[in-house]
Amino acid sequence: MNRFAIVNGTFITMDPEQPAVMEGTMFVEGNRIRRLLPGRAEASVLEGWEILDGRHRLYMPGFVNTHGHVAMSLLRGYADDVALQVWLEENMWPNEAKFTAADVRAGAMLSIAEMLKGGTTCFVDMYDHMDEVAKAAAESGIRACLTRGMIGLGPEEERKAKLAEARSFAEHWHGEAEGRITAMMSPHAPYTCPPDFIRAVVEAANELNLPIHTHMSETAKEVEDNVRQYGVRPPQHLLNLGVFSRPCLVAHAVHLTDEEIAMLAEHDVRVSHNPGSNLKLASGIARVPEMLKAGVKVSLGTDSSASNNNLDMLEEIRLAALLHKGATGDPTAVPAMEALRMGTAAGAESIWLDDVGMLKPGMKADFIALDIDQPHFFPRTDLVSHVVYAASSRDVTDVWVDGRQLVKNGELTTVDEERVKAEFVSCYNRLMFG
């Protein structure tokens, strides 16, 4: 069992009961943080613990990426600079139809390697062939909240088969990999799922006692089409269909009215804000400051690396802090600490993980280290500010999940990166060139 203490460390705990930044010693035993003491621990306290020297390192909770499609790394750079519907219908869906289970595994493994090296310790994924994503997560040691995404545009038998597959996946994987894998139920979006199908997903979620994850109000066209087809905007539509009767995480939520923001707050619907993807696809700018003021829990997601085009959560954190300042003309719209919380503690809360997202005794030991002995971290005026506005994912040196070190000095410890890249390239070449 792991039993180590990090001495001489600098910590951003994300614990509101602690100072924003503290110098001290953190004790990890098994998969939990046992103690976090300010200052240097006495030799007697350290006796019997493996000692890790934390000088020149900043330790903080790992990033939680609350929306993505990891296998779509196979389509990174394939269709850039086009609108969402063109991107989806003319470029993504035709190619995704060719994906085999082996392709999904290759894309997932490459994305997991990218996320781990960038400090992401937990991710949400919505796709198909999800057994392969779950196996990849289990093997790599990362934490994941996974769901078989369901587009309900096909014939009735196809919809029934997708729902049965989603149920089977959730029943098999929820709580697996020492509890690192959890599951949700996911109708893809109101514009890809007829009402009866969404009701059937809600019924399944009720029976399995699982949350629901879906795309919602990503583009203005989507909202207009929903009104034309169903007479109401997407949030009211999902409320009417019972989606918000379950714990619910929606992705994007770009085009919302004041009344819809209040509706999300009333029903405790969590929002995964995807600023990079929304900007690249010109979907718009979500009303994050208003959501936060209304009490909506907002986290951050990258979406896929086909629409982003990376899985860099530090980039999303910086975008969340900067974008809303520029959009509102208010430099206090999303402060640095709020943006960092969206990428860590709020992300864990948004997927109902109550023991992840902070460095605090009793919490899971999911944390990362950044090398702060670099010019862009000087002077040491405000390390929270430096992480948000100056740091890069390349500053991440070490990553632990469940107390297990998955990245050490920038190298993956559980994933053979060269093999992963070779298998990925082989799948990509077959998909693109036959």
Protein backbone atom coordinates (compact mmCIF):
# COMPACT_ATOMS: atom_id res chain seq x y z
CA MET A 1 0.00 0.00 0.00
CA ASN A 2 1.24 3.50 -0.85
CA ARG A 3 2.38 5.44 2.19
CA PHE A 4 4.31 8.60 1.44
CA ALA A 5 4.71 12.18 2.59
CA ILE A 6 5.48 15.15 0.37
CA VAL A 7 7.70 17.56 2.28
CA ASN A 8 8.74 21.13 1.38
CA GLY A 9 5.69 21.35 -0.86
CA THR A 10 3.61 24.28 -2.01
CA PHE A 11 -0.09 23.43 -2.20
CA ILE A 12 -3.21 24.89 -3.77
CA THR A 13 -5.80 22.85 -1.92
CA MET A 14 -9.06 24.25 -3.37
CA ASP A 15 -10.38 23.78 0.17
CA PRO A 16 -12.33 26.93 1.10
CA GLU A 17 -11.46 26.34 4.75
CA GLN A 18 -7.71 26.63 4.03
CA PRO A 19 -5.55 29.48 2.69
CA ALA A 20 -5.49 29.65 -1.12
CA VAL A 21 -1.81 28.68 -1.14
CA MET A 22 0.06 27.00 1.68
CA GLU A 23 3.53 25.62 2.33
CA GLY A 24 3.57 22.31 4.12
CA THR A 25 3.60 18.53 4.15
CA MET A 26 0.97 16.20 2.71
CA PHE A 27 0.61 12.58 3.81
CA VAL A 28 -0.91 10.00 1.43
CA GLU A 29 -1.84 6.49 2.53
CA GLY A 30 -3.43 4.04 0.13
CA ASN A 31 -5.76 6.02 -2.10
CA ARG A 32 -6.50 8.82 0.40
CA ILE A 33 -4.95 12.01 1.67
CA ARG A 34 -4.45 11.45 5.39
CA ARG A 35 -3.00 14.75 6.64
CA LEU A 36 -2.00 18.14 5.31
CA LEU A 37 0.14 20.10 7.75
CA PRO A 38 1.36 23.67 7.37
CA GLY A 39 5.11 24.16 7.58
CA ARG A 40 7.76 21.49 7.88
CA ALA A 41 6.74 18.36 9.75
CA GLU A 42 8.83 17.17 12.67
CA ALA A 43 11.09 14.17 12.07
CA SER A 44 9.06 12.10 14.53
CA VAL A 45 5.89 12.73 12.48
CA LEU A 46 7.63 11.59 9.30
CA GLU A 47 8.98 8.38 10.76
CA GLY A 48 7.82 5.35 8.81
CA TRP A 49 6.72 7.34 5.75
CA GLU A 50 8.40 7.34 2.33
CA ILE A 51 9.59 10.92 1.81
CA LEU A 52 9.16 12.83 -1.45
CA ASP A 53 10.89 16.19 -1.69
CA GLY A 54 8.41 18.75 -3.00
CA ARG A 55 10.81 21.65 -3.48
CA HIS A 56 10.20 23.61 -6.71
CA ARG A 57 6.84 21.87 -7.15
CA LEU A 58 3.30 23.16 -6.81
CA TYR A 59 0.77 20.49 -5.84
CA MET A 60 -2.93 20.83 -6.56
CA PRO A 61 -5.99 18.69 -7.34
CA GLY A 62 -6.00 17.09 -10.77
CA PHE A 63 -8.20 18.56 -13.47
CA VAL A 64 -11.68 17.13 -14.06
CA ASN A 65 -12.76 17.29 -17.71
CA THR A 66 -16.56 17.08 -17.63
CA HIS A 67 -17.36 16.65 -21.32
CA GLY A 68 -15.66 14.88 -24.18
CA HIS A 69 -15.53 12.14 -26.77
CA VAL A 70 -12.03 10.70 -26.43
CA ALA A 71 -12.08 8.40 -29.48
CA MET A 72 -12.58 11.43 -31.73
CA SER A 73 -8.85 12.12 -31.47
CA LEU A 74 -8.82 10.05 -34.67
CA LEU A 75 -10.48 13.04 -36.40
CA ARG A 76 -8.33 15.80 -34.91
CA GLY A 77 -7.73 18.41 -37.60
CA TYR A 78 -9.99 16.63 -40.11
CA ALA A 79 -12.62 19.36 -40.48
CA ASP A 80 -11.69 22.74 -39.05
CA ASP A 81 -13.22 26.18 -39.53
CA VAL A 82 -16.77 25.02 -40.29
CA ALA A 83 -20.08 25.41 -38.43
CA LEU A 84 -21.27 22.74 -36.01
CA GLN A 85 -23.96 21.17 -38.21
CA VAL A 86 -21.64 20.99 -41.24
CA TRP A 87 -18.87 19.65 -39.01
CA LEU A 88 -21.16 16.96 -37.57
CA GLU A 89 -23.31 15.90 -40.50
CA GLU A 90 -20.81 16.14 -43.36
CA ASN A 91 -17.52 15.34 -41.66
CA MET A 92 -17.82 13.64 -38.26
CA TRP A 93 -20.77 11.28 -38.53
CA PRO A 94 -19.77 9.71 -41.89
CA ASN A 95 -16.27 8.96 -40.59
CA GLU A 96 -17.40 7.86 -37.14
CA ALA A 97 -19.67 5.30 -38.82
CA LYS A 98 -16.47 3.54 -39.92
CA PHE A 99 -15.05 3.28 -36.39
CA THR A 100 -14.51 -0.24 -35.05
CA ALA A 101 -14.06 -1.17 -31.42
CA ALA A 102 -10.29 -1.29 -32.05
CA ASP A 103 -10.39 2.25 -33.43
CA VAL A 104 -12.25 3.53 -30.38
CA ARG A 105 -9.70 1.87 -28.11
CA ALA A 106 -6.79 3.42 -30.03
CA GLY A 107 -8.36 6.88 -29.96
CA ALA A 108 -9.23 6.57 -26.29
CA MET A 109 -5.75 5.43 -25.27
CA LEU A 110 -4.11 8.31 -27.12
CA SER A 111 -6.48 10.79 -25.49
CA ILE A 112 -5.94 9.32 -22.03
CA ALA A 113 -2.18 9.64 -22.52
CA GLU A 114 -2.65 13.27 -23.58
CA MET A 115 -4.93 14.04 -20.64
CA LEU A 116 -2.71 12.41 -18.02
CA LYS A 117 0.40 14.22 -19.24
CA GLY A 118 -1.56 17.47 -19.05
CA GLY A 119 -2.76 16.91 -15.47
CA THR A 120 -6.28 15.61 -16.05
CA THR A 121 -7.08 12.93 -13.48
CA CYS A 122 -10.77 12.39 -14.30
CA PHE A 123 -12.79 12.71 -17.50
CA VAL A 124 -16.37 12.36 -18.71
CA ASP A 125 -16.93 10.56 -22.00
CA MET A 126 -19.99 10.02 -24.17
CA TYR A 127 -19.59 7.70 -27.18
CA ASP A 128 -20.19 4.18 -28.43
CA HIS A 129 -18.01 1.04 -28.14
CA MET A 130 -17.76 2.29 -24.56
CA ASP A 131 -16.46 -1.02 -23.23
CA GLU A 132 -13.20 -0.15 -24.98
CA VAL A 133 -13.07 3.29 -23.34
CA ALA A 134 -13.76 1.74 -19.94
CA LYS A 135 -11.05 -0.88 -20.43
CA ALA A 136 -8.58 1.84 -21.45
CA ALA A 137 -9.47 3.89 -18.37
CA ALA A 138 -9.17 0.87 -16.11
CA GLU A 139 -5.79 -0.12 -17.53
CA SER A 140 -4.32 3.37 -17.41
CA GLY A 141 -5.41 4.12 -13.85
CA ILE A 142 -7.28 7.34 -14.67
CA ARG A 143 -10.69 8.13 -13.14
CA ALA A 144 -13.66 8.32 -15.53
CA CYS A 145 -17.39 8.92 -15.66
CA LEU A 146 -18.56 7.09 -18.79
CA THR A 147 -21.73 6.78 -20.78
CA ARG A 148 -22.87 5.16 -23.99
CA GLY A 149 -24.10 8.13 -26.02
CA MET A 150 -27.29 7.46 -27.95
CA ILE A 151 -28.40 9.18 -31.14
CA GLY A 152 -32.03 8.26 -31.61
CA LEU A 153 -32.53 9.09 -35.30
CA GLY A 154 -32.63 5.49 -36.57
CA PRO A 155 -35.43 2.94 -36.72
CA GLU A 156 -37.18 1.72 -33.58
CA GLU A 157 -35.21 -1.53 -33.37
CA GLU A 158 -31.93 0.38 -33.57
CA ARG A 159 -33.02 2.72 -30.78
CA LYS A 160 -34.00 -0.21 -28.57
CA ALA A 161 -30.64 -1.86 -29.21
CA LYS A 162 -28.75 1.32 -28.27
CA LEU A 163 -30.72 1.72 -25.05
CA ALA A 164 -30.15 -1.93 -24.13
CA GLU A 165 -26.43 -1.50 -24.81
CA ALA A 166 -26.32 1.65 -22.67
CA ARG A 167 -28.07 -0.13 -19.81
CA SER A 168 -25.76 -3.12 -20.05
CA PHE A 169 -22.69 -0.90 -20.06
CA ALA A 170 -23.84 1.02 -17.00
CA GLU A 171 -24.78 -2.13 -15.10
CA HIS A 172 -21.41 -3.72 -15.84
CA TRP A 173 -19.05 -0.77 -15.34
CA HIS A 174 -20.58 1.49 -12.68
CA GLY A 175 -18.29 1.24 -9.66
CA GLU A 176 -15.63 -0.86 -11.40
CA ALA A 177 -11.83 -0.36 -11.47
CA GLU A 178 -11.66 0.03 -7.69
CA GLY A 179 -14.49 2.55 -7.94
CA ARG A 180 -12.66 4.80 -10.41
CA ILE A 181 -15.29 4.26 -13.11
CA THR A 182 -18.84 5.53 -12.74
CA ALA A 183 -21.61 5.66 -15.32
CA MET A 184 -24.41 7.88 -16.60
CA MET A 185 -27.18 7.58 -19.19
CA SER A 186 -26.91 9.83 -22.24
CA PRO A 187 -29.41 10.72 -24.93
CA HIS A 188 -27.12 12.62 -27.30
CA ALA A 189 -29.25 15.79 -27.63
CA PRO A 190 -32.85 16.94 -28.06
CA TYR A 191 -32.22 17.46 -31.79
CA THR A 192 -30.97 13.89 -32.30
CA CYS A 193 -33.41 12.05 -30.02
CA PRO A 194 -37.21 11.99 -30.40
CA PRO A 195 -39.24 12.67 -27.25
CA ASP A 196 -40.33 9.07 -26.67
CA PHE A 197 -36.73 7.92 -26.81
CA ILE A 198 -35.64 10.53 -24.27
CA ARG A 199 -38.48 9.43 -21.99
CA ALA A 200 -37.26 5.84 -22.28
CA VAL A 201 -33.73 6.95 -21.30
CA VAL A 202 -35.12 8.81 -18.28
CA GLU A 203 -37.04 5.69 -17.25
CA ALA A 204 -33.85 3.62 -17.50
CA ALA A 205 -31.90 6.20 -15.50
CA ASN A 206 -34.57 6.05 -12.80
CA GLU A 207 -34.41 2.26 -12.68
CA LEU A 208 -30.60 2.23 -12.53
CA ASN A 209 -30.43 5.28 -10.21
CA LEU A 210 -27.95 7.03 -12.51
CA PRO A 211 -27.49 10.65 -13.64
CA ILE A 212 -28.21 11.85 -17.16
CA HIS A 213 -25.76 13.64 -19.44
CA THR A 214 -26.76 15.35 -22.69
CA HIS A 215 -25.85 18.16 -25.07
CA MET A 216 -28.16 21.18 -24.78
CA SER A 217 -28.56 24.61 -26.41
CA GLU A 218 -25.14 24.51 -28.07
CA THR A 219 -26.11 26.65 -31.08
CA ALA A 220 -28.76 29.22 -31.91
CA LYS A 221 -29.95 27.03 -34.78
CA GLU A 222 -30.49 24.11 -32.42
CA VAL A 223 -32.69 26.30 -30.21
CA GLU A 224 -34.67 27.65 -33.18
CA ASP A 225 -35.19 24.14 -34.58
CA ASN A 226 -36.41 22.88 -31.19
CA VAL A 227 -38.99 25.67 -31.01
CA ARG A 228 -40.13 24.97 -34.55
CA GLN A 229 -40.38 21.22 -33.99
CA TYR A 230 -41.66 21.02 -30.41
CA GLY A 231 -42.96 24.50 -29.60
CA VAL A 232 -40.50 25.12 -26.73
CA ARG A 233 -36.80 25.80 -26.26
CA PRO A 234 -34.47 22.91 -25.26
CA PRO A 235 -34.43 23.43 -21.45
CA GLN A 236 -38.23 23.45 -21.20
CA HIS A 237 -38.36 20.51 -23.60
CA LEU A 238 -36.00 18.45 -21.42
CA LEU A 239 -37.88 19.49 -18.29
CA ASN A 240 -41.15 18.35 -19.87
CA LEU A 241 -39.61 14.99 -20.75
CA GLY A 242 -38.44 14.38 -17.17
CA VAL A 243 -34.70 14.76 -17.79
CA PHE A 244 -34.30 17.30 -14.99
CA SER A 245 -36.07 14.97 -12.56
CA ARG A 246 -32.78 13.04 -12.49
CA PRO A 247 -29.39 14.40 -11.44
CA CYS A 248 -28.33 15.97 -14.72
CA LEU A 249 -25.20 17.37 -16.40
CA VAL A 250 -25.70 19.27 -19.64
CA ALA A 251 -22.89 20.16 -22.02
CA HIS A 252 -22.54 23.64 -23.55
CA ALA A 253 -25.73 25.51 -22.51
CA VAL A 254 -24.58 28.43 -24.63
CA HIS A 255 -27.93 29.98 -25.57
CA LEU A 256 -29.95 30.46 -22.40
CA THR A 257 -32.45 33.07 -21.24
CA ASP A 258 -32.62 34.42 -17.69
CA GLU A 259 -35.61 32.17 -17.06
CA GLU A 260 -33.73 29.10 -18.29
CA ILE A 261 -30.77 29.87 -16.06
CA ALA A 262 -33.17 30.08 -13.13
CA MET A 263 -34.69 26.76 -14.22
CA LEU A 264 -31.28 25.05 -14.20
CA ALA A 265 -30.56 26.45 -10.74
CA GLU A 266 -33.95 25.34 -9.41
CA HIS A 267 -33.45 21.76 -10.62
CA ASP A 268 -29.73 21.62 -9.76
CA VAL A 269 -28.78 20.93 -13.36
CA ARG A 270 -24.99 21.11 -13.73
CA VAL A 271 -23.37 22.69 -16.80
CA SER A 272 -20.15 21.67 -18.53
CA HIS A 273 -18.78 24.86 -20.09
CA ASN A 274 -16.66 24.12 -23.18
CA PRO A 275 -15.20 27.51 -24.16
CA GLY A 276 -12.55 26.28 -26.60
CA SER A 277 -14.88 24.08 -28.63
CA ASN A 278 -17.68 26.66 -28.57
CA LEU A 279 -15.35 29.36 -29.87
CA LYS A 280 -13.83 27.19 -32.60
CA LEU A 281 -17.24 26.11 -33.90
CA ALA A 282 -18.59 29.67 -33.51
CA SER A 283 -21.38 28.33 -31.34
CA GLY A 284 -21.32 31.39 -29.09
CA ILE A 285 -20.32 32.33 -25.56
CA ALA A 286 -22.19 30.77 -22.67
CA ARG A 287 -23.55 33.09 -19.98
CA VAL A 288 -21.28 31.69 -17.30
CA PRO A 289 -21.16 34.75 -14.99
CA GLU A 290 -24.97 34.81 -14.87
CA MET A 291 -25.10 31.06 -14.24
CA LEU A 292 -22.62 31.32 -11.39
CA LYS A 293 -24.56 34.20 -9.82
CA ALA A 294 -27.77 32.19 -10.04
CA GLY A 295 -26.15 29.26 -8.23
CA VAL A 296 -25.75 26.92 -11.21
CA LYS A 297 -22.80 24.57 -10.77
CA VAL A 298 -20.51 25.19 -13.74
CA SER A 299 -17.52 23.01 -14.61
CA LEU A 300 -15.20 22.83 -17.62
CA GLY A 301 -14.84 20.40 -20.51
CA THR A 302 -12.71 20.27 -23.60
CA ASP A 303 -15.24 18.48 -25.81
CA SER A 304 -13.44 16.29 -28.35
CA SER A 305 -10.02 16.97 -29.82
CA ALA A 306 -11.77 17.06 -33.19
CA SER A 307 -13.50 20.29 -32.18
CA ASN A 308 -10.99 21.85 -29.78
CA ASN A 309 -8.30 20.56 -30.96
CA ASN A 310 -6.61 19.41 -27.75
CA LEU A 311 -7.55 18.11 -24.32
CA ASP A 312 -5.69 20.78 -22.37
CA MET A 313 -7.69 21.70 -19.29
CA LEU A 314 -5.33 24.52 -18.32
CA GLU A 315 -6.20 26.11 -21.63
CA GLU A 316 -9.92 25.82 -20.84
CA ILE A 317 -9.35 27.30 -17.39
CA ARG A 318 -7.52 30.27 -18.87
CA LEU A 319 -10.19 30.72 -21.55
CA ALA A 320 -12.94 30.64 -18.92
CA ALA A 321 -11.18 33.37 -16.95
CA LEU A 322 -10.40 35.57 -19.96
CA LEU A 323 -13.35 35.05 -22.28
CA HIS A 324 -16.03 36.32 -19.93
CA LYS A 325 -14.01 39.38 -18.97
CA GLY A 326 -13.87 40.36 -22.63
CA ALA A 327 -17.47 39.43 -23.38
CA THR A 328 -18.93 41.34 -20.43
CA GLY A 329 -16.47 44.21 -20.04
CA ASP A 330 -16.16 43.19 -16.40
CA PRO A 331 -12.67 42.10 -15.27
CA THR A 332 -14.23 40.44 -12.21
CA ALA A 333 -16.66 38.28 -14.24
CA VAL A 334 -14.75 35.01 -13.67
CA PRO A 335 -11.81 35.52 -11.28
CA ALA A 336 -8.77 33.25 -11.47
CA MET A 337 -9.74 31.21 -8.42
CA GLU A 338 -13.26 30.68 -9.76
CA ALA A 339 -11.89 29.47 -13.10
CA LEU A 340 -9.50 27.11 -11.33
CA ARG A 341 -12.34 25.80 -9.18
CA MET A 342 -14.41 25.15 -12.33
CA GLY A 343 -11.61 22.94 -13.61
CA THR A 344 -11.10 21.01 -10.37
CA ALA A 345 -13.48 20.95 -7.39
CA ALA A 346 -16.58 22.05 -9.32
CA GLY A 347 -15.82 19.43 -11.95
CA ALA A 348 -15.83 16.68 -9.33
CA GLU A 349 -19.03 18.03 -7.78
CA SER A 350 -20.66 18.20 -11.21
CA ILE A 351 -20.31 14.43 -11.65
CA TRP A 352 -21.31 13.62 -8.07
CA LEU A 353 -17.84 12.73 -6.79
CA ASP A 354 -17.85 13.99 -3.21
CA ASP A 355 -14.32 12.86 -2.31
CA VAL A 356 -12.41 14.23 -5.33
CA GLY A 357 -11.34 17.74 -6.29
CA MET A 358 -9.61 19.07 -3.16
CA LEU A 359 -6.44 18.38 -1.23
CA LYS A 360 -7.97 17.66 2.14
CA PRO A 361 -7.75 14.83 4.69
CA GLY A 362 -10.12 12.04 3.71
CA MET A 363 -10.26 13.00 0.04
CA LYS A 364 -9.07 10.69 -2.73
CA ALA A 365 -5.41 11.22 -3.60
CA ASP A 366 -6.01 12.58 -7.11
CA PHE A 367 -3.45 15.35 -7.51
CA ILE A 368 -0.75 16.75 -9.75
CA ALA A 369 2.56 18.57 -9.50
CA LEU A 370 3.72 21.50 -11.60
CA ASP A 371 7.33 22.61 -11.98
CA ILE A 372 7.32 26.18 -10.69
CA ASP A 373 11.08 26.66 -10.87
CA GLN A 374 10.65 28.37 -14.23
CA PRO A 375 10.78 32.03 -15.30
CA HIS A 376 7.03 32.36 -15.89
CA PHE A 377 6.31 31.51 -12.24
CA PHE A 378 8.39 34.43 -10.93
CA PRO A 379 7.91 36.58 -8.92
CA ARG A 380 5.84 34.56 -6.47
CA THR A 381 3.16 37.21 -6.20
CA ASP A 382 0.12 34.94 -6.60
CA LEU A 383 0.49 31.30 -7.56
CA VAL A 384 -3.23 30.88 -8.27
CA SER A 385 -2.95 33.70 -10.78
CA HIS A 386 0.21 32.17 -12.25
CA VAL A 387 -1.47 28.77 -12.73
CA VAL A 388 -4.45 30.32 -14.50
CA TYR A 389 -2.78 33.05 -16.55
CA ALA A 390 0.84 31.91 -17.01
CA ALA A 391 1.10 28.12 -16.67
CA SER A 392 0.99 25.53 -19.43
CA SER A 393 0.04 21.87 -19.38
CA ARG A 394 3.69 21.22 -20.22
CA ASP A 395 4.51 22.39 -16.69
CA VAL A 396 2.85 19.26 -15.26
CA THR A 397 5.55 16.87 -14.07
CA ASP A 398 3.74 14.30 -11.93
CA VAL A 399 0.22 12.90 -11.64
CA TRP A 400 -1.38 10.66 -9.03
CA VAL A 401 -4.84 9.07 -9.19
CA ASP A 402 -6.17 7.05 -6.25
CA GLY A 403 -2.74 7.43 -4.66
CA ARG A 404 -1.02 5.73 -7.62
CA GLN A 405 1.56 7.69 -9.61
CA LEU A 406 0.56 7.64 -13.29
CA VAL A 407 3.02 10.30 -14.51
CA LYS A 408 6.53 10.61 -13.07
CA ASN A 409 8.88 13.38 -14.21
CA GLY A 410 6.73 13.85 -17.31
CA GLU A 411 6.70 10.17 -18.29
CA LEU A 412 3.66 7.89 -18.22
CA THR A 413 4.10 4.97 -15.82
CA THR A 414 1.10 2.79 -16.75
CA VAL A 415 0.78 3.51 -20.47
CA ASP A 416 3.31 2.54 -23.15
CA GLU A 417 3.17 5.83 -25.04
CA GLU A 418 5.14 4.64 -28.09
CA ARG A 419 2.92 1.61 -28.54
CA VAL A 420 -0.21 3.73 -28.10
CA LYS A 421 0.95 6.15 -30.80
CA ALA A 422 1.86 3.33 -33.18
CA GLU A 423 -1.53 1.62 -32.77
CA PHE A 424 -3.28 4.96 -33.19
CA VAL A 425 -1.45 5.74 -36.44
CA SER A 426 -2.28 2.27 -37.78
CA CYS A 427 -6.00 2.79 -37.10
CA TYR A 428 -5.93 6.30 -38.53
CA ASN A 429 -4.23 5.14 -41.75
CA ARG A 430 -6.77 2.38 -42.26
CA LEU A 431 -9.70 4.75 -41.67
CA MET A 432 -8.39 7.44 -44.00
CA PHE A 433 -6.61 5.49 -46.69
CA GLY A 434 -8.07 1.99 -46.54
